[in-house]
Structures are given as structure tokens and as C-alpha cells.
């Protein structure tokens, strides 16, 4: 398996890595691998436009018209 060497890392980052590793009950090296996998291998997030496109069509705007500033839920399905 290939290795990765990272040089010139700020000591605060090293300390944070060691702390996080301790919290997860693993070595700093294992924590480093987990962070890299989480950052690089997770599925891509949907764009805002893609998320909006998945919202189902539930009616026309008039179905949800406000009356005196309130939405009357009982009237929505009439």
C-alpha cells in the first residue's frame, strides 16, 4: 500500500489530530487516514439547483394562498 508523507505541518494541527485520534480511540496515523477518506471519498453533494429539482410538485401557488396573513390548512385540500 502506498505511503504519504506530509511535511511542515503546524504544531497546532498535529496536536488537534492527536486529540481527535484520542477521542476516537485510534492512533494519529489511523485518524489521519480516516480524515482523508472522509474528505476525499464521500459522495459529492447536490447543488442547490439539483436539490430544488427533487422537490415534488404539490399544487399551484393559489392552493396555498394566504388569507389575512395566515394559511388555513383545512382549505388547502378543498
PDB file of N, CA and C in Angstrom:
ATOM      1  N   UNK A   1       0.848  -1.173   0.000  1.00  0.00           N
ATOM      2  CA  UNK A   1       0.000   0.000   0.000  1.00  0.00           C
ATOM      3  C   UNK A   1       0.897   1.240   0.000  1.00  0.00           C
ATOM      4  N   UNK A   2       0.587   2.245  -0.802  1.00  0.00           N
ATOM      5  CA  UNK A   2       1.405   3.452  -0.859  1.00  0.00           C
ATOM      6  C   UNK A   2       1.382   4.219   0.460  1.00  0.00           C
ATOM      7  N   UNK A   3       2.417   5.009   0.654  1.00  0.00           N
ATOM      8  CA  UNK A   3       2.528   5.849   1.845  1.00  0.00           C
ATOM      9  C   UNK A   3       2.434   7.318   1.447  1.00  0.00           C
ATOM     10  N   UNK A   4       2.118   8.139   2.428  1.00  0.00           N
ATOM     11  CA  UNK A   4       2.014   9.578   2.207  1.00  0.00           C
ATOM     12  C   UNK A   4       2.770  10.280   3.314  1.00  0.00           C
ATOM     13  N   UNK A   5       3.670  11.159   2.945  1.00  0.00           N
ATOM     14  CA  UNK A   5       4.433  11.943   3.919  1.00  0.00           C
ATOM     15  C   UNK A   5       3.999  13.391   3.770  1.00  0.00           C
ATOM     16  N   UNK A   6       3.626  14.001   4.876  1.00  0.00           N
ATOM     17  CA  UNK A   6       3.205  15.402   4.868  1.00  0.00           C
ATOM     18  C   UNK A   6       4.192  16.175   5.739  1.00  0.00           C
ATOM     19  N   UNK A   7       4.856  17.146   5.149  1.00  0.00           N
ATOM     20  CA  UNK A   7       5.871  17.912   5.869  1.00  0.00           C
ATOM     21  C   UNK A   7       5.355  19.306   6.217  1.00  0.00           C
ATOM     22  N   UNK A   8       6.052  19.927   7.155  1.00  0.00           N
ATOM     23  CA  UNK A   8       5.823  21.328   7.536  1.00  0.00           C
ATOM     24  C   UNK A   8       4.397  21.576   8.013  1.00  0.00           C
ATOM     25  N   UNK A   9       3.918  20.724   8.892  1.00  0.00           N
ATOM     26  CA  UNK A   9       2.582  20.888   9.464  1.00  0.00           C
ATOM     27  C   UNK A   9       2.702  21.666  10.762  1.00  0.00           C
ATOM     28  N   UNK A  10       1.844  22.626  10.924  1.00  0.00           N
ATOM     29  CA  UNK A  10       1.828  23.446  12.139  1.00  0.00           C
ATOM     30  C   UNK A  10       1.595  22.557  13.359  1.00  0.00           C
ATOM     31  N   UNK A  11       2.279  22.866  14.440  1.00  0.00           N
ATOM     32  CA  UNK A  11       2.171  22.049  15.649  1.00  0.00           C
ATOM     33  C   UNK A  11       0.738  22.024  16.191  1.00  0.00           C
ATOM     34  N   UNK A  12      -0.013  23.095  16.009  1.00  0.00           N
ATOM     35  CA  UNK A  12      -1.403  23.132  16.476  1.00  0.00           C
ATOM     36  C   UNK A  12      -2.243  22.086  15.736  1.00  0.00           C
ATOM     37  N   UNK A  13      -1.942  21.877  14.462  1.00  0.00           N
ATOM     38  CA  UNK A  13      -2.668  20.870  13.684  1.00  0.00           C
ATOM     39  C   UNK A  13      -2.314  19.471  14.181  1.00  0.00           C
ATOM     40  N   UNK A  14      -1.046  19.250  14.454  1.00  0.00           N
ATOM     41  CA  UNK A  14      -0.611  17.951  14.983  1.00  0.00           C
ATOM     42  C   UNK A  14      -1.296  17.664  16.311  1.00  0.00           C
ATOM     43  N   UNK A  15      -1.325  18.662  17.189  1.00  0.00           N
ATOM     44  CA  UNK A  15      -1.972  18.484  18.494  1.00  0.00           C
ATOM     45  C   UNK A  15      -3.465  18.210  18.344  1.00  0.00           C
ATOM     46  N   UNK A  16      -4.124  18.914  17.416  1.00  0.00           N
ATOM     47  CA  UNK A  16      -5.549  18.688  17.178  1.00  0.00           C
ATOM     48  C   UNK A  16      -5.782  17.283  16.628  1.00  0.00           C
ATOM     49  N   UNK A  17      -4.898  16.818  15.755  1.00  0.00           N
ATOM     50  CA  UNK A  17      -5.009  15.466  15.208  1.00  0.00           C
ATOM     51  C   UNK A  17      -4.860  14.426  16.318  1.00  0.00           C
ATOM     52  N   UNK A  18      -3.887  14.623  17.186  1.00  0.00           N
ATOM     53  CA  UNK A  18      -3.681  13.682  18.290  1.00  0.00           C
ATOM     54  C   UNK A  18      -4.875  13.678  19.242  1.00  0.00           C
ATOM     55  N   UNK A  19      -5.431  14.847  19.498  1.00  0.00           N
ATOM     56  CA  UNK A  19      -6.599  14.946  20.380  1.00  0.00           C
ATOM     57  C   UNK A  19      -7.799  14.227  19.762  1.00  0.00           C
ATOM     58  N   UNK A  20      -8.025  14.475  18.475  1.00  0.00           N
ATOM     59  CA  UNK A  20      -9.147  13.829  17.786  1.00  0.00           C
ATOM     60  C   UNK A  20      -8.959  12.316  17.741  1.00  0.00           C
ATOM     61  N   UNK A  21      -7.723  11.879  17.516  1.00  0.00           N
ATOM     62  CA  UNK A  21      -7.430  10.447  17.498  1.00  0.00           C
ATOM     63  C   UNK A  21      -7.729   9.824  18.853  1.00  0.00           C
ATOM     64  N   UNK A  22      -7.337  10.512  19.911  1.00  0.00           N
ATOM     65  CA  UNK A  22      -7.587  10.005  21.259  1.00  0.00           C
ATOM     66  C   UNK A  22      -9.096   9.900  21.521  1.00  0.00           C
ATOM     67  N   UNK A  23      -9.859  10.890  21.057  1.00  0.00           N
ATOM     68  CA  UNK A  23     -11.314  10.870  21.246  1.00  0.00           C
ATOM     69  C   UNK A  23     -11.969   9.712  20.504  1.00  0.00           C
ATOM     70  N   UNK A  24     -11.377   9.307  19.382  1.00  0.00           N
ATOM     71  CA  UNK A  24     -11.921   8.208  18.579  1.00  0.00           C
ATOM     72  C   UNK A  24     -11.243   6.878  18.889  1.00  0.00           C
ATOM     73  N   UNK A  25     -10.385   6.857  19.890  1.00  0.00           N
ATOM     74  CA  UNK A  25      -9.705   5.631  20.333  1.00  0.00           C
ATOM     75  C   UNK A  25      -8.912   4.970  19.207  1.00  0.00           C
ATOM     76  N   UNK A  26      -8.127   5.778  18.516  1.00  0.00           N
ATOM     77  CA  UNK A  26      -7.249   5.222  17.489  1.00  0.00           C
ATOM     78  C   UNK A  26      -5.948   6.024  17.438  1.00  0.00           C
ATOM     79  N   UNK A  27      -5.002   5.530  16.687  1.00  0.00           N
ATOM     80  CA  UNK A  27      -3.706   6.204  16.570  1.00  0.00           C
ATOM     81  C   UNK A  27      -3.856   7.463  15.714  1.00  0.00           C
ATOM     82  N   UNK A  28      -2.868   8.334  15.812  1.00  0.00           N
ATOM     83  CA  UNK A  28      -2.875   9.549  14.989  1.00  0.00           C
ATOM     84  C   UNK A  28      -2.827   9.179  13.508  1.00  0.00           C
ATOM     85  N   UNK A  29      -2.075   8.138  13.186  1.00  0.00           N
ATOM     86  CA  UNK A  29      -1.988   7.697  11.792  1.00  0.00           C
ATOM     87  C   UNK A  29      -3.341   7.182  11.287  1.00  0.00           C
ATOM     88  N   UNK A  30      -4.027   6.406  12.111  1.00  0.00           N
ATOM     89  CA  UNK A  30      -5.356   5.901  11.724  1.00  0.00           C
ATOM     90  C   UNK A  30      -6.349   7.055  11.608  1.00  0.00           C
ATOM     91  N   UNK A  31      -6.230   8.022  12.488  1.00  0.00           N
ATOM     92  CA  UNK A  31      -7.122   9.194  12.423  1.00  0.00           C
ATOM     93  C   UNK A  31      -6.860   9.989  11.154  1.00  0.00           C
ATOM     94  N   UNK A  32      -5.591  10.132  10.808  1.00  0.00           N
ATOM     95  CA  UNK A  32      -5.224  10.825   9.578  1.00  0.00           C
ATOM     96  C   UNK A  32      -5.836  10.123   8.364  1.00  0.00           C
ATOM     97  N   UNK A  33      -5.754   8.802   8.333  1.00  0.00           N
ATOM     98  CA  UNK A  33      -6.370   8.040   7.227  1.00  0.00           C
ATOM     99  C   UNK A  33      -7.881   8.257   7.196  1.00  0.00           C
ATOM    100  N   UNK A  34      -8.513   8.246   8.369  1.00  0.00           N
ATOM    101  CA  UNK A  34      -9.968   8.428   8.429  1.00  0.00           C
ATOM    102  C   UNK A  34     -10.371   9.809   7.931  1.00  0.00           C
ATOM    103  N   UNK A  35      -9.610  10.825   8.313  1.00  0.00           N
ATOM    104  CA  UNK A  35      -9.910  12.203   7.866  1.00  0.00           C
ATOM    105  C   UNK A  35      -9.773  12.303   6.353  1.00  0.00           C
ATOM    106  N   UNK A  36      -8.697  11.737   5.816  1.00  0.00           N
ATOM    107  CA  UNK A  36      -8.506  11.783   4.361  1.00  0.00           C
ATOM    108  C   UNK A  36      -9.636  11.055   3.631  1.00  0.00           C
ATOM    109  N   UNK A  37     -10.011   9.880   4.117  1.00  0.00           N
ATOM    110  CA  UNK A  37     -11.084   9.119   3.478  1.00  0.00           C
ATOM    111  C   UNK A  37     -12.400   9.889   3.542  1.00  0.00           C
ATOM    112  N   UNK A  38     -12.701  10.466   4.702  1.00  0.00           N
ATOM    113  CA  UNK A  38     -13.948  11.223   4.860  1.00  0.00           C
ATOM    114  C   UNK A  38     -13.987  12.422   3.920  1.00  0.00           C
ATOM    115  N   UNK A  39     -12.874  13.107   3.793  1.00  0.00           N
ATOM    116  CA  UNK A  39     -12.827  14.314   2.965  1.00  0.00           C
ATOM    117  C   UNK A  39     -12.827  14.007   1.474  1.00  0.00           C
ATOM    118  N   UNK A  40     -12.196  12.907   1.089  1.00  0.00           N
ATOM    119  CA  UNK A  40     -11.979  12.654  -0.337  1.00  0.00           C
ATOM    120  C   UNK A  40     -12.877  11.607  -0.962  1.00  0.00           C
ATOM    121  N   UNK A  41     -13.462  10.722  -0.160  1.00  0.00           N
ATOM    122  CA  UNK A  41     -14.223   9.614  -0.736  1.00  0.00           C
ATOM    123  C   UNK A  41     -15.726   9.716  -0.539  1.00  0.00           C
ATOM    124  N   UNK A  42     -16.207  10.745   0.146  1.00  0.00           N
ATOM    125  CA  UNK A  42     -17.651  10.852   0.345  1.00  0.00           C
ATOM    126  C   UNK A  42     -18.316  11.234  -0.977  1.00  0.00           C
ATOM    127  N   UNK A  43     -19.564  10.838  -1.156  1.00  0.00           N
ATOM    128  CA  UNK A  43     -20.243  11.162  -2.412  1.00  0.00           C
ATOM    129  C   UNK A  43     -20.399  12.674  -2.559  1.00  0.00           C
ATOM    130  N   UNK A  44     -20.367  13.166  -3.788  1.00  0.00           N
ATOM    131  CA  UNK A  44     -20.497  14.611  -3.992  1.00  0.00           C
ATOM    132  C   UNK A  44     -21.864  15.114  -3.547  1.00  0.00           C
ATOM    133  N   UNK A  45     -21.885  16.315  -3.006  1.00  0.00           N
ATOM    134  CA  UNK A  45     -23.148  16.912  -2.565  1.00  0.00           C
ATOM    135  C   UNK A  45     -23.914  17.435  -3.768  1.00  0.00           C
ATOM    136  N   UNK A  46     -25.235  17.430  -3.650  1.00  0.00           N
ATOM    137  CA  UNK A  46     -26.068  18.000  -4.695  1.00  0.00           C
ATOM    138  C   UNK A  46     -25.926  19.512  -4.685  1.00  0.00           C
ATOM    139  N   UNK A  47     -26.016  20.102  -5.861  1.00  0.00           N
ATOM    140  CA  UNK A  47     -26.038  21.551  -5.933  1.00  0.00           C
ATOM    141  C   UNK A  47     -27.411  22.025  -5.456  1.00  0.00           C
ATOM    142  N   UNK A  48     -27.534  23.289  -5.160  1.00  0.00           N
ATOM    143  CA  UNK A  48     -28.817  23.849  -4.738  1.00  0.00           C
ATOM    144  C   UNK A  48     -29.873  23.608  -5.811  1.00  0.00           C
ATOM    145  N   UNK A  49     -29.510  23.809  -7.066  1.00  0.00           N
ATOM    146  CA  UNK A  49     -30.458  23.607  -8.172  1.00  0.00           C
ATOM    147  C   UNK A  49     -30.916  22.151  -8.238  1.00  0.00           C
ATOM    148  N   UNK A  50     -30.008  21.192  -8.012  1.00  0.00           N
ATOM    149  CA  UNK A  50     -30.373  19.776  -8.031  1.00  0.00           C
ATOM    150  C   UNK A  50     -31.303  19.438  -6.867  1.00  0.00           C
ATOM    151  N   UNK A  51     -31.049  20.024  -5.701  1.00  0.00           N
ATOM    152  CA  UNK A  51     -31.901  19.782  -4.539  1.00  0.00           C
ATOM    153  C   UNK A  51     -33.300  20.337  -4.784  1.00  0.00           C
ATOM    154  N   UNK A  52     -33.388  21.532  -5.332  1.00  0.00           N
ATOM    155  CA  UNK A  52     -34.693  22.148  -5.634  1.00  0.00           C
ATOM    156  C   UNK A  52     -35.449  21.314  -6.664  1.00  0.00           C
ATOM    157  N   UNK A  53     -34.725  20.780  -7.639  1.00  0.00           N
ATOM    158  CA  UNK A  53     -35.374  19.994  -8.702  1.00  0.00           C
ATOM    159  C   UNK A  53     -35.993  18.711  -8.167  1.00  0.00           C
ATOM    160  N   UNK A  54     -35.559  18.217  -7.019  1.00  0.00           N
ATOM    161  CA  UNK A  54     -36.106  16.975  -6.471  1.00  0.00           C
ATOM    162  C   UNK A  54     -37.348  17.198  -5.614  1.00  0.00           C
ATOM    163  N   UNK A  55     -37.709  18.459  -5.360  1.00  0.00           N
ATOM    164  CA  UNK A  55     -38.908  18.741  -4.563  1.00  0.00           C
ATOM    165  C   UNK A  55     -40.133  18.408  -5.420  1.00  0.00           C
ATOM    166  N   UNK A  56     -41.053  17.600  -4.911  1.00  0.00           N
ATOM    167  CA  UNK A  56     -42.213  17.213  -5.728  1.00  0.00           C
ATOM    168  C   UNK A  56     -43.170  18.379  -5.955  1.00  0.00           C
ATOM    169  N   UNK A  57     -43.887  18.302  -7.048  1.00  0.00           N
ATOM    170  CA  UNK A  57     -44.901  19.304  -7.361  1.00  0.00           C
ATOM    171  C   UNK A  57     -46.133  18.975  -6.521  1.00  0.00           C
ATOM    172  N   UNK A  58     -46.526  19.896  -5.644  1.00  0.00           N
ATOM    173  CA  UNK A  58     -47.642  19.632  -4.737  1.00  0.00           C
ATOM    174  C   UNK A  58     -48.857  20.519  -5.014  1.00  0.00           C
ATOM    175  N   UNK A  59     -48.869  21.202  -6.099  1.00  0.00           N
ATOM    176  CA  UNK A  59     -50.020  22.039  -6.428  1.00  0.00           C
ATOM    177  C   UNK A  59     -49.579  23.381  -6.960  1.00  0.00           C
ATOM    178  N   UNK A  60     -50.564  24.219  -7.207  1.00  0.00           N
ATOM    179  CA  UNK A  60     -50.266  25.555  -7.702  1.00  0.00           C
ATOM    180  C   UNK A  60     -50.240  26.537  -6.541  1.00  0.00           C
ATOM    181  N   UNK A  61     -49.638  27.670  -6.757  1.00  0.00           N
ATOM    182  CA  UNK A  61     -49.484  28.651  -5.681  1.00  0.00           C
ATOM    183  C   UNK A  61     -50.823  29.069  -5.090  1.00  0.00           C
ATOM    184  N   UNK A  62     -51.857  29.119  -5.886  1.00  0.00           N
ATOM    185  CA  UNK A  62     -53.167  29.536  -5.382  1.00  0.00           C
ATOM    186  C   UNK A  62     -53.700  28.574  -4.330  1.00  0.00           C
ATOM    187  N   UNK A  63     -53.265  27.315  -4.386  1.00  0.00           N
ATOM    188  CA  UNK A  63     -53.691  26.342  -3.379  1.00  0.00           C
ATOM    189  C   UNK A  63     -53.188  26.714  -1.989  1.00  0.00           C
ATOM    190  N   UNK A  64     -52.141  27.520  -1.937  1.00  0.00           N
ATOM    191  CA  UNK A  64     -51.514  27.873  -0.676  1.00  0.00           C
ATOM    192  C   UNK A  64     -51.575  29.377  -0.417  1.00  0.00           C
ATOM    193  N   UNK A  65     -52.584  29.998  -0.959  1.00  0.00           N
ATOM    194  CA  UNK A  65     -52.724  31.435  -0.827  1.00  0.00           C
ATOM    195  C   UNK A  65     -53.002  31.817   0.626  1.00  0.00           C
ATOM    196  N   UNK A  66     -52.373  32.868   1.087  1.00  0.00           N
ATOM    197  CA  UNK A  66     -52.578  33.345   2.451  1.00  0.00           C
ATOM    198  C   UNK A  66     -53.858  34.170   2.514  1.00  0.00           C
ATOM    199  N   UNK A  67     -54.590  33.973   3.591  1.00  0.00           N
ATOM    200  CA  UNK A  67     -55.803  34.746   3.839  1.00  0.00           C
ATOM    201  C   UNK A  67     -55.566  35.523   5.121  1.00  0.00           C
ATOM    202  N   UNK A  68     -55.564  36.845   5.028  1.00  0.00           N
ATOM    203  CA  UNK A  68     -55.280  37.698   6.179  1.00  0.00           C
ATOM    204  C   UNK A  68     -53.962  37.326   6.844  1.00  0.00           C
ATOM    205  N   UNK A  69     -52.947  37.006   6.039  1.00  0.00           N
ATOM    206  CA  UNK A  69     -51.627  36.705   6.573  1.00  0.00           C
ATOM    207  C   UNK A  69     -51.488  35.314   7.139  1.00  0.00           C
ATOM    208  N   UNK A  70     -52.511  34.465   7.082  1.00  0.00           N
ATOM    209  CA  UNK A  70     -52.439  33.119   7.629  1.00  0.00           C
ATOM    210  C   UNK A  70     -52.733  32.095   6.541  1.00  0.00           C
ATOM    211  N   UNK A  71     -52.184  30.929   6.698  1.00  0.00           N
ATOM    212  CA  UNK A  71     -52.506  29.827   5.803  1.00  0.00           C
ATOM    213  C   UNK A  71     -53.510  28.935   6.537  1.00  0.00           C
ATOM    214  N   UNK A  72     -54.620  28.666   5.912  1.00  0.00           N
ATOM    215  CA  UNK A  72     -55.648  27.820   6.512  1.00  0.00           C
ATOM    216  C   UNK A  72     -55.471  26.408   5.979  1.00  0.00           C
ATOM    217  N   UNK A  73     -54.914  25.566   6.815  1.00  0.00           N
ATOM    218  CA  UNK A  73     -54.590  24.196   6.393  1.00  0.00           C
ATOM    219  C   UNK A  73     -55.829  23.441   5.945  1.00  0.00           C
ATOM    220  N   UNK A  74     -56.970  23.688   6.568  1.00  0.00           N
ATOM    221  CA  UNK A  74     -58.193  22.963   6.189  1.00  0.00           C
ATOM    222  C   UNK A  74     -58.612  23.312   4.779  1.00  0.00           C
ATOM    223  N   UNK A  75     -58.280  24.506   4.310  1.00  0.00           N
ATOM    224  CA  UNK A  75     -58.689  24.939   2.976  1.00  0.00           C
ATOM    225  C   UNK A  75     -57.745  24.434   1.883  1.00  0.00           C
ATOM    226  N   UNK A  76     -56.613  23.935   2.236  1.00  0.00           N
ATOM    227  CA  UNK A  76     -55.622  23.547   1.250  1.00  0.00           C
ATOM    228  C   UNK A  76     -56.135  22.425   0.353  1.00  0.00           C
ATOM    229  N   UNK A  77     -56.853  21.467   0.907  1.00  0.00           N
ATOM    230  CA  UNK A  77     -57.273  20.317   0.134  1.00  0.00           C
ATOM    231  C   UNK A  77     -58.699  20.423  -0.389  1.00  0.00           C
ATOM    232  N   UNK A  78     -59.349  21.534  -0.225  1.00  0.00           N
ATOM    233  CA  UNK A  78     -60.718  21.725  -0.729  1.00  0.00           C
ATOM    234  C   UNK A  78     -60.708  22.202  -2.152  1.00  0.00           C
TER     235      UNK A  78
END
